[in-house]
Amino acid sequence: MKVPVLWHGGLLAGALLCPGTSLQAQTDACALLKPADLTALLGGSPIAKSSTGGCTWSAAGSPKKLLAMSPRAAGPDATMAFMGARNAAAKGGTVTVTDEVGLGDKAFASLESFGVALVMLKQGRLLQLQYWAGAAGTAKDLNALRPVAKRAIAAF
């Protein structure tokens, strides 16, 4: 199984708990957001780069970037992967994890050493956003990511 290097450890662990689950992209992640959706978050005009694992947006001169990934897991496999990711992210006590409302059917956020990760479950499919803020994630970073996540999950 080929796994993108930048997958959130919790989601990766959750997907590994589901035999037969593939982590290949199922959605054109670059189509979920428009440049105007990301200008404030990234601090400039974003450029999208598609990859096997999803999409990465960055802006010239800014250390910030946003990654969007959607594994192929669906239905019960996606639900199990979501729950595994949620449980794994909360273990150890070194990462702040919060449940989120209004982002699909279920969602959680984690403040990470690189910034913020949001994992969302909608109609049996997973979407993960990673906001690389250039430093450890804060509540301010999460607040900045939420409106972007709402647009992405609405288009998902």
C-alpha atoms as a PDB file:
ATOM      1  CA  MET A   1       0.000   0.000   0.000  1.00  0.00           C
ATOM      2  CA  LYS A   2       1.491   3.352  -1.056  1.00  0.00           C
ATOM      3  CA  VAL A   3       0.903   6.081   1.533  1.00  0.00           C
ATOM      4  CA  PRO A   4       1.518   9.804   0.963  1.00  0.00           C
ATOM      5  CA  VAL A   5       4.184  11.033   3.376  1.00  0.00           C
ATOM      6  CA  LEU A   6       2.137  13.991   4.596  1.00  0.00           C
ATOM      7  CA  TRP A   7      -0.916  12.065   5.784  1.00  0.00           C
ATOM      8  CA  HIS A   8      -1.857  12.899   9.341  1.00  0.00           C
ATOM      9  CA  GLY A   9      -0.578  10.071  11.513  1.00  0.00           C
ATOM     10  CA  GLY A  10      -3.980   9.472  13.061  1.00  0.00           C
ATOM     11  CA  LEU A  11      -5.727   9.097   9.712  1.00  0.00           C
ATOM     12  CA  LEU A  12      -3.008   6.814   8.466  1.00  0.00           C
ATOM     13  CA  ALA A  13      -3.292   4.676  11.582  1.00  0.00           C
ATOM     14  CA  GLY A  14      -7.078   4.602  11.255  1.00  0.00           C
ATOM     15  CA  ALA A  15      -6.900   3.541   7.622  1.00  0.00           C
ATOM     16  CA  LEU A  16      -4.441   0.792   8.427  1.00  0.00           C
ATOM     17  CA  LEU A  17      -6.970  -0.649  10.851  1.00  0.00           C
ATOM     18  CA  CYS A  18      -9.359  -1.218   7.952  1.00  0.00           C
ATOM     19  CA  PRO A  19      -8.159  -4.170   5.855  1.00  0.00           C
ATOM     20  CA  GLY A  20      -8.494  -3.522   2.148  1.00  0.00           C
ATOM     21  CA  THR A  21      -8.719   0.250   2.560  1.00  0.00           C
ATOM     22  CA  SER A  22      -6.834   2.169  -0.094  1.00  0.00           C
ATOM     23  CA  LEU A  23      -5.384   5.612   0.527  1.00  0.00           C
ATOM     24  CA  GLN A  24      -5.491   6.727  -3.088  1.00  0.00           C
ATOM     25  CA  ALA A  25      -7.317   9.960  -3.875  1.00  0.00           C
ATOM     26  CA  GLN A  26     -10.973   9.606  -4.886  1.00  0.00           C
ATOM     27  CA  THR A  27     -11.815  13.268  -5.445  1.00  0.00           C
ATOM     28  CA  ASP A  28     -10.106  16.012  -7.447  1.00  0.00           C
ATOM     29  CA  ALA A  29      -9.048  17.856  -4.319  1.00  0.00           C
ATOM     30  CA  CYS A  30      -7.853  20.889  -6.315  1.00  0.00           C
ATOM     31  CA  ALA A  31     -11.443  21.456  -7.526  1.00  0.00           C
ATOM     32  CA  LEU A  32     -12.802  21.787  -3.979  1.00  0.00           C
ATOM     33  CA  LEU A  33     -11.529  25.336  -3.450  1.00  0.00           C
ATOM     34  CA  LYS A  34     -11.020  28.460  -5.544  1.00  0.00           C
ATOM     35  CA  PRO A  35      -7.987  30.744  -5.221  1.00  0.00           C
ATOM     36  CA  ALA A  36     -10.200  33.436  -3.661  1.00  0.00           C
ATOM     37  CA  ASP A  37     -11.108  30.970  -0.880  1.00  0.00           C
ATOM     38  CA  LEU A  38      -7.447  30.706   0.125  1.00  0.00           C
ATOM     39  CA  THR A  39      -5.918  34.162  -0.348  1.00  0.00           C
ATOM     40  CA  ALA A  40      -6.421  35.311   3.262  1.00  0.00           C
ATOM     41  CA  LEU A  41      -5.373  31.956   4.737  1.00  0.00           C
ATOM     42  CA  LEU A  42      -2.158  31.679   2.731  1.00  0.00           C
ATOM     43  CA  GLY A  43      -1.230  35.364   2.633  1.00  0.00           C
ATOM     44  CA  GLY A  44      -1.133  35.763  -1.143  1.00  0.00           C
ATOM     45  CA  SER A  45      -2.381  34.434  -4.456  1.00  0.00           C
ATOM     46  CA  PRO A  46      -2.513  30.641  -4.121  1.00  0.00           C
ATOM     47  CA  ILE A  47      -1.215  28.205  -6.707  1.00  0.00           C
ATOM     48  CA  ALA A  48      -2.566  24.643  -6.713  1.00  0.00           C
ATOM     49  CA  LYS A  49      -0.422  21.577  -7.360  1.00  0.00           C
ATOM     50  CA  SER A  50      -2.218  18.296  -7.863  1.00  0.00           C
ATOM     51  CA  SER A  51      -0.633  15.061  -6.687  1.00  0.00           C
ATOM     52  CA  THR A  52      -1.605  11.426  -6.257  1.00  0.00           C
ATOM     53  CA  GLY A  53      -2.406  12.143  -2.610  1.00  0.00           C
ATOM     54  CA  GLY A  54      -4.572  15.209  -3.232  1.00  0.00           C
ATOM     55  CA  CYS A  55      -3.792  18.880  -3.735  1.00  0.00           C
ATOM     56  CA  THR A  56      -1.393  21.413  -2.223  1.00  0.00           C
ATOM     57  CA  TRP A  57      -1.936  25.161  -2.373  1.00  0.00           C
ATOM     58  CA  SER A  58       0.814  27.658  -1.606  1.00  0.00           C
ATOM     59  CA  ALA A  59       1.477  31.357  -2.188  1.00  0.00           C
ATOM     60  CA  ALA A  60       4.766  32.859  -3.333  1.00  0.00           C
ATOM     61  CA  GLY A  61       6.808  34.248  -0.451  1.00  0.00           C
ATOM     62  CA  SER A  62       4.691  32.605   2.243  1.00  0.00           C
ATOM     63  CA  PRO A  63       5.694  29.613   4.381  1.00  0.00           C
ATOM     64  CA  LYS A  64       2.022  28.654   4.686  1.00  0.00           C
ATOM     65  CA  LYS A  65       0.365  25.929   2.621  1.00  0.00           C
ATOM     66  CA  LEU A  66      -2.841  23.920   2.580  1.00  0.00           C
ATOM     67  CA  LEU A  67      -3.093  20.238   1.698  1.00  0.00           C
ATOM     68  CA  ALA A  68      -6.384  18.510   0.882  1.00  0.00           C
ATOM     69  CA  MET A  69      -6.589  14.718   0.702  1.00  0.00           C
ATOM     70  CA  SER A  70      -9.416  12.271   0.194  1.00  0.00           C
ATOM     71  CA  PRO A  71      -8.709   8.552   0.609  1.00  0.00           C
ATOM     72  CA  ARG A  72     -10.728   6.078  -1.416  1.00  0.00           C
ATOM     73  CA  ALA A  73     -12.209   4.461   1.717  1.00  0.00           C
ATOM     74  CA  ALA A  74     -15.996   4.681   1.643  1.00  0.00           C
ATOM     75  CA  GLY A  75     -18.966   3.741   3.789  1.00  0.00           C
ATOM     76  CA  PRO A  76     -18.118   1.645   6.866  1.00  0.00           C
ATOM     77  CA  ASP A  77     -14.385   1.631   5.970  1.00  0.00           C
ATOM     78  CA  ALA A  78     -14.352   5.442   5.937  1.00  0.00           C
ATOM     79  CA  THR A  79     -16.226   5.576   9.244  1.00  0.00           C
ATOM     80  CA  MET A  80     -13.778   3.138  10.825  1.00  0.00           C
ATOM     81  CA  ALA A  81     -10.812   5.100   9.433  1.00  0.00           C
ATOM     82  CA  PHE A  82     -12.298   8.336  10.806  1.00  0.00           C
ATOM     83  CA  MET A  83     -12.820   6.851  14.268  1.00  0.00           C
ATOM     84  CA  GLY A  84      -9.346   5.298  14.254  1.00  0.00           C
ATOM     85  CA  ALA A  85      -7.834   8.628  13.266  1.00  0.00           C
ATOM     86  CA  ARG A  86      -9.817  10.461  15.956  1.00  0.00           C
ATOM     87  CA  ASN A  87      -8.758   7.999  18.658  1.00  0.00           C
ATOM     88  CA  ALA A  88      -5.121   7.920  17.543  1.00  0.00           C
ATOM     89  CA  ALA A  89      -4.876  11.717  17.433  1.00  0.00           C
ATOM     90  CA  ALA A  90      -6.158  11.996  20.998  1.00  0.00           C
ATOM     91  CA  LYS A  91      -3.754   9.417  22.454  1.00  0.00           C
ATOM     92  CA  GLY A  92      -0.577  10.537  24.137  1.00  0.00           C
ATOM     93  CA  GLY A  93      -1.833  13.940  25.197  1.00  0.00           C
ATOM     94  CA  THR A  94       0.701  15.887  23.092  1.00  0.00           C
ATOM     95  CA  VAL A  95      -1.845  17.061  20.492  1.00  0.00           C
ATOM     96  CA  THR A  96      -4.964  19.114  21.220  1.00  0.00           C
ATOM     97  CA  VAL A  97      -7.980  17.460  19.549  1.00  0.00           C
ATOM     98  CA  THR A  98     -11.466  18.962  19.356  1.00  0.00           C
ATOM     99  CA  ASP A  99     -14.672  17.745  17.755  1.00  0.00           C
ATOM    100  CA  GLU A 100     -16.027  20.161  15.147  1.00  0.00           C
ATOM    101  CA  VAL A 101     -19.630  20.878  14.160  1.00  0.00           C
ATOM    102  CA  GLY A 102     -20.957  22.061  10.822  1.00  0.00           C
ATOM    103  CA  LEU A 103     -18.235  20.307   8.798  1.00  0.00           C
ATOM    104  CA  GLY A 104     -19.883  17.287   7.222  1.00  0.00           C
ATOM    105  CA  ASP A 105     -21.436  14.516   9.277  1.00  0.00           C
ATOM    106  CA  LYS A 106     -18.545  14.289  11.771  1.00  0.00           C
ATOM    107  CA  ALA A 107     -15.282  16.179  12.045  1.00  0.00           C
ATOM    108  CA  PHE A 108     -12.374  16.762  14.369  1.00  0.00           C
ATOM    109  CA  ALA A 109      -9.470  19.171  14.439  1.00  0.00           C
ATOM    110  CA  SER A 110      -6.021  18.706  15.875  1.00  0.00           C
ATOM    111  CA  LEU A 111      -3.414  21.312  16.675  1.00  0.00           C
ATOM    112  CA  GLU A 112      -0.165  19.868  15.346  1.00  0.00           C
ATOM    113  CA  SER A 113       3.502  20.832  15.395  1.00  0.00           C
ATOM    114  CA  PHE A 114       3.146  22.078  11.773  1.00  0.00           C
ATOM    115  CA  GLY A 115      -0.210  23.839  12.168  1.00  0.00           C
ATOM    116  CA  VAL A 116      -3.747  22.414  12.091  1.00  0.00           C
ATOM    117  CA  ALA A 117      -5.350  19.263  10.674  1.00  0.00           C
ATOM    118  CA  LEU A 118      -9.079  18.841  10.076  1.00  0.00           C
ATOM    119  CA  VAL A 119     -10.526  15.405   9.301  1.00  0.00           C
ATOM    120  CA  MET A 120     -14.109  15.366   8.065  1.00  0.00           C
ATOM    121  CA  LEU A 121     -16.553  12.561   7.283  1.00  0.00           C
ATOM    122  CA  LYS A 122     -19.375  13.324   4.852  1.00  0.00           C
ATOM    123  CA  GLN A 123     -21.799  10.772   3.394  1.00  0.00           C
ATOM    124  CA  GLY A 124     -19.366   7.922   3.969  1.00  0.00           C
ATOM    125  CA  ARG A 125     -16.297   9.680   2.508  1.00  0.00           C
ATOM    126  CA  LEU A 126     -13.263  11.246   4.173  1.00  0.00           C
ATOM    127  CA  LEU A 127     -11.672  14.631   3.542  1.00  0.00           C
ATOM    128  CA  GLN A 128      -8.598  15.842   5.376  1.00  0.00           C
ATOM    129  CA  LEU A 129      -7.189  19.365   5.334  1.00  0.00           C
ATOM    130  CA  GLN A 130      -3.755  20.167   6.698  1.00  0.00           C
ATOM    131  CA  TYR A 131      -2.912  23.827   7.206  1.00  0.00           C
ATOM    132  CA  TRP A 132       0.841  24.211   7.437  1.00  0.00           C
ATOM    133  CA  ALA A 133       1.131  27.524   9.296  1.00  0.00           C
ATOM    134  CA  GLY A 134       4.924  27.539   9.625  1.00  0.00           C
ATOM    135  CA  ALA A 135       4.753  26.871  13.381  1.00  0.00           C
ATOM    136  CA  ALA A 136       2.816  24.883  15.956  1.00  0.00           C
ATOM    137  CA  GLY A 137      -0.931  25.187  15.445  1.00  0.00           C
ATOM    138  CA  THR A 138      -2.984  27.605  17.528  1.00  0.00           C
ATOM    139  CA  ALA A 139      -6.663  28.334  18.068  1.00  0.00           C
ATOM    140  CA  LYS A 140      -6.190  31.354  15.776  1.00  0.00           C
ATOM    141  CA  ASP A 141      -4.956  29.040  12.971  1.00  0.00           C
ATOM    142  CA  LEU A 142      -7.953  26.763  13.475  1.00  0.00           C
ATOM    143  CA  ASN A 143     -10.322  29.742  13.346  1.00  0.00           C
ATOM    144  CA  ALA A 144      -8.701  30.824  10.061  1.00  0.00           C
ATOM    145  CA  LEU A 145      -9.064  27.323   8.589  1.00  0.00           C
ATOM    146  CA  ARG A 146     -12.724  26.726   9.522  1.00  0.00           C
ATOM    147  CA  PRO A 147     -14.306  28.923   6.794  1.00  0.00           C
ATOM    148  CA  VAL A 148     -12.063  27.315   4.176  1.00  0.00           C
ATOM    149  CA  ALA A 149     -13.025  23.874   5.478  1.00  0.00           C
ATOM    150  CA  LYS A 150     -16.732  24.783   5.230  1.00  0.00           C
ATOM    151  CA  ARG A 151     -16.290  25.667   1.559  1.00  0.00           C
ATOM    152  CA  ALA A 152     -14.288  22.502   0.862  1.00  0.00           C
ATOM    153  CA  ILE A 153     -16.724  20.125   2.581  1.00  0.00           C
ATOM    154  CA  ALA A 154     -19.683  21.801   0.839  1.00  0.00           C
ATOM    155  CA  ALA A 155     -18.045  21.072  -2.532  1.00  0.00           C
ATOM    156  CA  PHE A 156     -16.999  17.563  -1.515  1.00  0.00           C
END
